[in-house]
Amino acid sequence: MEINGVEIEDNFAEAFGIQTSRILITAATKKLAKVAAVEATGYGTSVIGCPAEAGIDCYVPPQETPDGRPGYIIMICNMDKKKLDHELLERIGMCILTAATTAVFDAMEEPDEKFKTGHKLKFYGDGYEKILDIQGRKIHSIPLMSGDFLVESELGVKAGVAGGNLFILAENQPAGLLAADAAVDAIKAVPGAITPFPGGIVASGSKVGSNKYKFLNASTNEKMCVTLKGDVEGCDIPENVDGVYEIVIDGVDEEAVKAAMKAGIEAATKVNGVIQISAGNFGGNLGKYQIKLQDLF
């Protein structure tokens, strides 16, 4: 199968279940909201080593937010509900409450349950906190030196999907980077999906475990390393490929991940020098979701 002259390999991305939160951060300006969103989603590339996977979902204009101010929706994900609860409390408390003029609202549609994150954060007000009603939402108003920090009392959580992915194989590194960047930009337009790695682009595609070191949970995917091409038995890189990048996607559900993968593939295949689109999987041994590339179209 080809799209825009680029081969779409008959392969699948292997994804797995994850617990997901989706919150809206607003502030006095778009810049201040973005600053808080970036801080709150830091150190959130992969649960292989990070306490959560996190990223910015989308910008929300003032006319669409509860308080009429510009904002960004972010997603924070973890395999374990208790750990996700902890991450929400810490990231909002340390990265958003501390950011100038911010407020936090729940942005999860049809949650499985709700965490009392805002209720817990209210105690920072040391007895001076108040309860407000904003568009039917229970909001805790916490006095700060700079004004009041507003946070919704409960934040929704639901079972989502993590690990959707696509591999971009290009004739050289610049073409691969340009295509990966185009894919990430396209995915930004898909609601309910994030690309948690730096800039959305994965330079370090990995495999489960290690061939040599038993103490490692994950190690480099040597079959997809361009500098090992020709040195590794079973190398998966064609001879005419010298640039490989991966895009990893988390979403509120399987449909969001599929839509993001499709958008990313369509954008990447429009870049000159892209030769093939593939995906990473572990033979169906890691996750219950097998998203076949060719079935996306």
Protein backbone atom coordinates (compact mmCIF):
# COMPACT_ATOMS: atom_id res chain seq x y z
CA MET A 1 0.00 0.00 0.00
CA GLU A 2 1.25 3.52 -0.83
CA ILE A 3 0.21 7.03 0.19
CA ASN A 4 1.72 9.94 -1.74
CA GLY A 5 4.18 7.45 -3.22
CA VAL A 6 5.38 6.29 0.22
CA GLU A 7 5.12 2.63 1.20
CA ILE A 8 2.89 1.94 4.19
CA GLU A 9 4.22 -1.31 5.59
CA ASP A 10 1.79 -4.11 6.40
CA ASN A 11 2.54 -3.82 10.11
CA PHE A 12 0.88 -2.77 13.36
CA ALA A 13 1.54 -0.53 16.34
CA GLU A 14 1.17 -2.35 19.63
CA ALA A 15 -0.47 -0.14 22.26
CA PHE A 16 -1.55 -0.75 25.84
CA GLY A 17 -4.00 0.53 28.41
CA ILE A 18 -3.18 3.47 30.66
CA GLN A 19 -5.02 5.72 33.12
CA THR A 20 -5.46 9.22 31.72
CA SER A 21 -6.36 12.66 33.06
CA ARG A 22 -7.15 15.69 30.91
CA ILE A 23 -7.11 19.15 32.48
CA LEU A 24 -7.49 22.71 31.24
CA ILE A 25 -5.04 25.37 32.40
CA THR A 26 -6.11 28.98 31.88
CA ALA A 27 -4.24 32.21 32.62
CA ALA A 28 -4.37 35.96 32.00
CA THR A 29 -2.49 35.53 28.72
CA LYS A 30 -1.87 32.74 26.24
CA LYS A 31 1.84 32.93 27.03
CA LEU A 32 1.32 32.44 30.77
CA ALA A 33 -1.02 29.50 30.18
CA LYS A 34 1.58 27.90 27.86
CA VAL A 35 4.33 28.37 30.44
CA ALA A 36 2.30 26.50 33.07
CA ALA A 37 1.35 23.75 30.61
CA VAL A 38 4.97 23.18 29.64
CA GLU A 39 6.11 23.06 33.26
CA ALA A 40 3.35 20.64 34.27
CA THR A 41 4.13 18.20 31.47
CA GLY A 42 7.89 18.10 31.99
CA TYR A 43 9.74 14.82 32.67
CA GLY A 44 6.84 12.94 31.13
CA THR A 45 8.13 11.08 28.07
CA SER A 46 7.74 7.41 29.01
CA VAL A 47 6.72 5.39 32.05
CA ILE A 48 9.83 3.30 31.38
CA GLY A 49 11.66 5.85 33.51
CA CYS A 50 9.35 8.83 34.13
CA PRO A 51 6.66 9.04 36.84
CA ALA A 52 4.06 9.80 34.16
CA GLU A 53 3.61 10.34 30.45
CA ALA A 54 2.39 13.86 29.76
CA GLY A 55 1.95 16.39 27.01
CA ILE A 56 0.00 19.37 25.70
CA ASP A 57 -3.18 18.37 23.89
CA CYS A 58 -4.44 21.65 22.43
CA TYR A 59 -4.95 25.39 22.80
CA VAL A 60 -8.41 26.58 23.90
CA PRO A 61 -9.48 30.16 23.03
CA PRO A 62 -11.03 32.42 25.71
CA GLN A 63 -14.56 32.08 24.37
CA GLU A 64 -14.46 28.33 25.03
CA THR A 65 -13.09 28.27 28.60
CA PRO A 66 -15.10 28.45 31.87
CA ASP A 67 -13.44 31.69 32.98
CA GLY A 68 -13.18 33.41 29.60
CA ARG A 69 -9.39 33.34 29.50
CA PRO A 70 -6.98 31.59 27.09
CA GLY A 71 -5.85 28.12 28.05
CA TYR A 72 -4.20 24.85 27.16
CA ILE A 73 -5.46 21.32 27.73
CA ILE A 74 -2.82 18.89 28.93
CA MET A 75 -2.92 15.14 29.49
CA ILE A 76 -1.16 13.23 32.27
CA CYS A 77 -1.05 9.43 32.15
CA ASN A 78 0.13 6.56 34.33
CA MET A 79 -0.43 2.82 34.42
CA ASP A 80 -1.43 2.97 38.10
CA LYS A 81 -4.38 5.04 39.39
CA LYS A 82 -2.72 5.82 42.74
CA LYS A 83 0.41 7.03 41.00
CA LEU A 84 -1.65 9.15 38.61
CA ASP A 85 -3.50 10.68 41.58
CA HIS A 86 -0.13 11.54 43.12
CA GLU A 87 1.22 13.00 39.87
CA LEU A 88 -1.82 15.23 39.42
CA LEU A 89 -1.44 16.60 42.94
CA GLU A 90 2.29 17.23 42.57
CA ARG A 91 2.28 18.64 39.05
CA ILE A 92 -0.66 20.97 39.67
CA GLY A 93 0.62 21.96 43.11
CA MET A 94 4.23 22.56 42.12
CA CYS A 95 4.01 23.60 38.46
CA ILE A 96 0.62 25.30 37.98
CA LEU A 97 -0.32 26.77 41.36
CA THR A 98 3.13 28.39 41.35
CA ALA A 99 2.62 29.89 37.88
CA ALA A 100 1.25 33.42 37.59
CA THR A 101 -2.54 33.94 37.20
CA THR A 102 -3.40 30.28 36.50
CA ALA A 103 -6.57 28.28 37.06
CA VAL A 104 -7.28 24.58 36.55
CA PHE A 105 -10.50 22.98 35.27
CA ASP A 106 -11.46 19.40 34.51
CA ALA A 107 -11.44 18.68 30.76
CA MET A 108 -12.14 14.94 30.69
CA GLU A 109 -15.33 13.93 28.90
CA GLU A 110 -17.20 10.91 30.29
CA PRO A 111 -14.65 10.02 33.01
CA ASP A 112 -14.61 6.61 34.67
CA GLU A 113 -14.11 8.27 38.05
CA LYS A 114 -12.87 11.49 39.62
CA PHE A 115 -9.92 12.34 41.86
CA LYS A 116 -10.31 14.92 44.64
CA THR A 117 -7.19 16.76 43.52
CA GLY A 118 -8.55 20.29 43.96
CA HIS A 119 -10.08 19.37 47.31
CA LYS A 120 -6.64 18.29 48.53
CA LEU A 121 -4.89 21.37 47.15
CA LYS A 122 -7.29 23.74 48.90
CA PHE A 123 -5.51 23.18 52.23
CA TYR A 124 -2.61 25.24 50.92
CA GLY A 125 -4.90 28.19 51.60
CA ASP A 126 -4.40 27.56 55.33
CA GLY A 127 -8.04 28.21 56.17
CA TYR A 128 -8.43 31.27 53.95
CA GLU A 129 -9.59 29.26 50.94
CA LYS A 130 -13.11 29.74 49.57
CA ILE A 131 -15.54 27.77 47.39
CA LEU A 132 -16.82 29.33 44.17
CA ASP A 133 -19.26 28.26 41.49
CA ILE A 134 -18.12 28.83 37.92
CA GLN A 135 -20.54 27.58 35.27
CA GLY A 136 -21.81 24.89 37.63
CA ARG A 137 -18.32 23.73 38.58
CA LYS A 138 -17.21 23.53 42.23
CA ILE A 139 -14.05 25.62 42.38
CA HIS A 140 -11.62 26.13 45.26
CA SER A 141 -10.19 29.63 45.44
CA ILE A 142 -6.79 29.63 47.15
CA PRO A 143 -5.29 33.02 48.09
CA LEU A 144 -1.73 33.64 46.92
CA MET A 145 0.59 36.65 47.08
CA SER A 146 -0.26 37.48 43.47
CA GLY A 147 -4.00 36.84 43.69
CA ASP A 148 -6.17 33.72 43.91
CA PHE A 149 -5.42 30.33 42.36
CA LEU A 150 -8.58 28.56 41.18
CA VAL A 151 -8.81 24.79 40.88
CA GLU A 152 -11.78 22.54 40.23
CA SER A 153 -12.53 20.30 43.20
CA GLU A 154 -12.53 17.00 41.28
CA LEU A 155 -10.68 15.98 38.12
CA GLY A 156 -11.88 13.21 35.82
CA VAL A 157 -9.85 10.10 35.00
CA LYS A 158 -10.54 7.37 32.47
CA ALA A 159 -8.90 4.33 30.93
CA GLY A 160 -7.00 5.46 27.85
CA VAL A 161 -4.54 4.01 25.36
CA ALA A 162 -0.77 4.55 25.29
CA GLY A 163 1.98 3.50 22.94
CA GLY A 164 0.37 4.16 19.58
CA ASN A 165 3.27 4.82 17.25
CA LEU A 166 4.63 5.16 13.75
CA PHE A 167 8.15 4.90 12.34
CA ILE A 168 9.27 7.34 9.66
CA LEU A 169 12.00 5.92 7.42
CA ALA A 170 13.65 8.51 5.19
CA GLU A 171 16.61 8.65 2.84
CA ASN A 172 18.51 10.90 5.27
CA GLN A 173 18.25 12.51 8.70
CA PRO A 174 17.06 15.98 7.55
CA ALA A 175 14.18 14.46 5.55
CA GLY A 176 13.24 12.25 8.49
CA LEU A 177 13.26 15.19 10.89
CA LEU A 178 11.17 17.35 8.57
CA ALA A 179 8.62 14.55 8.18
CA ALA A 180 8.52 13.84 11.91
CA ASP A 181 7.95 17.52 12.65
CA ALA A 182 5.13 17.63 10.09
CA ALA A 183 3.56 14.55 11.66
CA VAL A 184 3.65 16.07 15.15
CA ASP A 185 2.07 19.30 13.90
CA ALA A 186 -0.74 17.32 12.28
CA ILE A 187 -1.35 15.30 15.44
CA LYS A 188 -1.72 18.51 17.46
CA ALA A 189 -5.01 19.08 15.64
CA VAL A 190 -6.42 15.77 16.91
CA PRO A 191 -8.29 16.26 20.22
CA GLY A 192 -7.59 13.81 23.03
CA ALA A 193 -4.14 12.78 21.81
CA ILE A 194 -0.61 13.77 22.82
CA THR A 195 2.95 13.03 21.67
CA PRO A 196 4.79 12.90 25.02
CA PHE A 197 8.42 12.75 23.83
CA PRO A 198 10.58 15.91 23.41
CA GLY A 199 9.03 17.96 20.64
CA GLY A 200 6.85 14.92 19.95
CA ILE A 201 9.74 13.14 18.23
CA VAL A 202 11.38 9.97 19.56
CA ALA A 203 15.08 9.69 18.76
CA SER A 204 15.61 6.62 20.96
CA GLY A 205 13.16 3.92 19.91
CA SER A 206 13.53 1.05 22.37
CA LYS A 207 12.71 -2.60 22.86
CA VAL A 208 11.53 -4.45 25.97
CA GLY A 209 14.43 -5.81 28.02
CA SER A 210 17.99 -6.29 26.79
CA ASN A 211 19.95 -8.83 24.80
CA LYS A 212 23.01 -8.44 27.02
CA TYR A 213 22.16 -6.75 30.33
CA LYS A 214 19.60 -8.58 32.46
CA PHE A 215 19.08 -5.61 34.80
CA LEU A 216 17.59 -3.41 32.05
CA ASN A 217 13.83 -3.07 31.54
CA ALA A 218 14.38 -1.49 28.12
CA SER A 219 17.25 -0.96 25.72
CA THR A 220 17.99 0.39 22.26
CA ASN A 221 16.13 -1.10 19.32
CA GLU A 222 19.28 -2.17 17.49
CA LYS A 223 17.37 -3.42 14.45
CA MET A 224 16.23 0.15 13.78
CA CYS A 225 19.53 1.96 14.48
CA VAL A 226 20.88 3.52 11.29
CA THR A 227 24.51 3.39 12.50
CA LEU A 228 24.22 -0.37 13.04
CA LYS A 229 22.81 -1.05 9.60
CA GLY A 230 24.70 -3.99 8.15
CA ASP A 231 26.17 -4.95 11.54
CA VAL A 232 23.03 -6.41 13.15
CA GLU A 233 21.42 -9.67 12.11
CA GLY A 234 17.79 -9.14 11.11
CA CYS A 235 18.20 -5.38 10.60
CA ASP A 236 14.85 -3.86 9.61
CA ILE A 237 16.23 -0.78 7.82
CA PRO A 238 16.27 -0.76 4.00
CA GLU A 239 19.61 0.03 2.34
CA ASN A 240 18.37 3.37 1.00
CA VAL A 241 17.28 4.61 4.47
CA ASP A 242 19.60 6.69 6.68
CA GLY A 243 17.08 8.62 8.77
CA VAL A 244 14.65 6.95 11.20
CA TYR A 245 12.37 8.64 13.72
CA GLU A 246 9.46 7.39 15.81
CA ILE A 247 6.32 9.22 16.94
CA VAL A 248 4.65 7.84 20.09
CA ILE A 249 1.03 8.73 20.82
CA ASP A 250 -1.15 8.52 23.94
CA GLY A 251 -4.88 9.11 23.77
CA VAL A 252 -8.09 9.17 25.78
CA ASP A 253 -9.24 6.14 23.78
CA GLU A 254 -8.26 3.91 20.86
CA GLU A 255 -10.11 6.07 18.34
CA ALA A 256 -8.13 9.17 19.33
CA VAL A 257 -4.86 7.26 18.90
CA LYS A 258 -5.94 5.91 15.51
CA ALA A 259 -6.97 9.38 14.32
CA ALA A 260 -3.63 10.79 15.45
CA MET A 261 -1.66 8.03 13.73
CA LYS A 262 -3.58 8.58 10.50
CA ALA A 263 -3.02 12.34 10.61
CA GLY A 264 0.67 11.85 11.31
CA ILE A 265 1.14 9.40 8.47
CA GLU A 266 -0.67 11.61 5.97
CA ALA A 267 1.51 14.58 6.91
CA ALA A 268 4.79 12.65 6.91
CA THR A 269 4.21 11.10 3.50
CA LYS A 270 3.97 14.54 1.90
CA VAL A 271 7.64 15.24 2.69
CA ASN A 272 10.21 14.55 -0.02
CA GLY A 273 12.70 11.86 0.92
CA VAL A 274 10.34 9.74 3.02
CA ILE A 275 10.57 6.16 1.82
CA GLN A 276 8.48 4.08 4.19
CA ILE A 277 6.14 4.28 7.17
CA SER A 278 6.27 1.43 9.66
CA ALA A 279 5.40 0.85 13.32
CA GLY A 280 6.78 -0.78 16.44
CA ASN A 281 5.37 -3.85 18.12
CA PHE A 282 6.41 -6.74 20.28
CA GLY A 283 4.59 -9.54 18.55
CA GLY A 284 1.43 -8.85 20.51
CA ASN A 285 3.08 -9.65 23.86
CA LEU A 286 3.02 -6.16 25.38
CA GLY A 287 -0.39 -4.60 24.84
CA LYS A 288 -3.89 -5.63 23.88
CA TYR A 289 -4.28 -3.00 21.15
CA GLN A 290 -2.93 -3.84 17.69
CA ILE A 291 -3.42 -0.85 15.41
CA LYS A 292 -2.76 -1.92 11.84
CA LEU A 293 -1.32 0.84 9.69
CA GLN A 294 -3.11 -0.10 6.49
CA ASP A 295 -6.47 -0.34 8.28
CA LEU A 296 -6.26 3.36 9.14
CA PHE A 297 -7.06 4.26 5.52
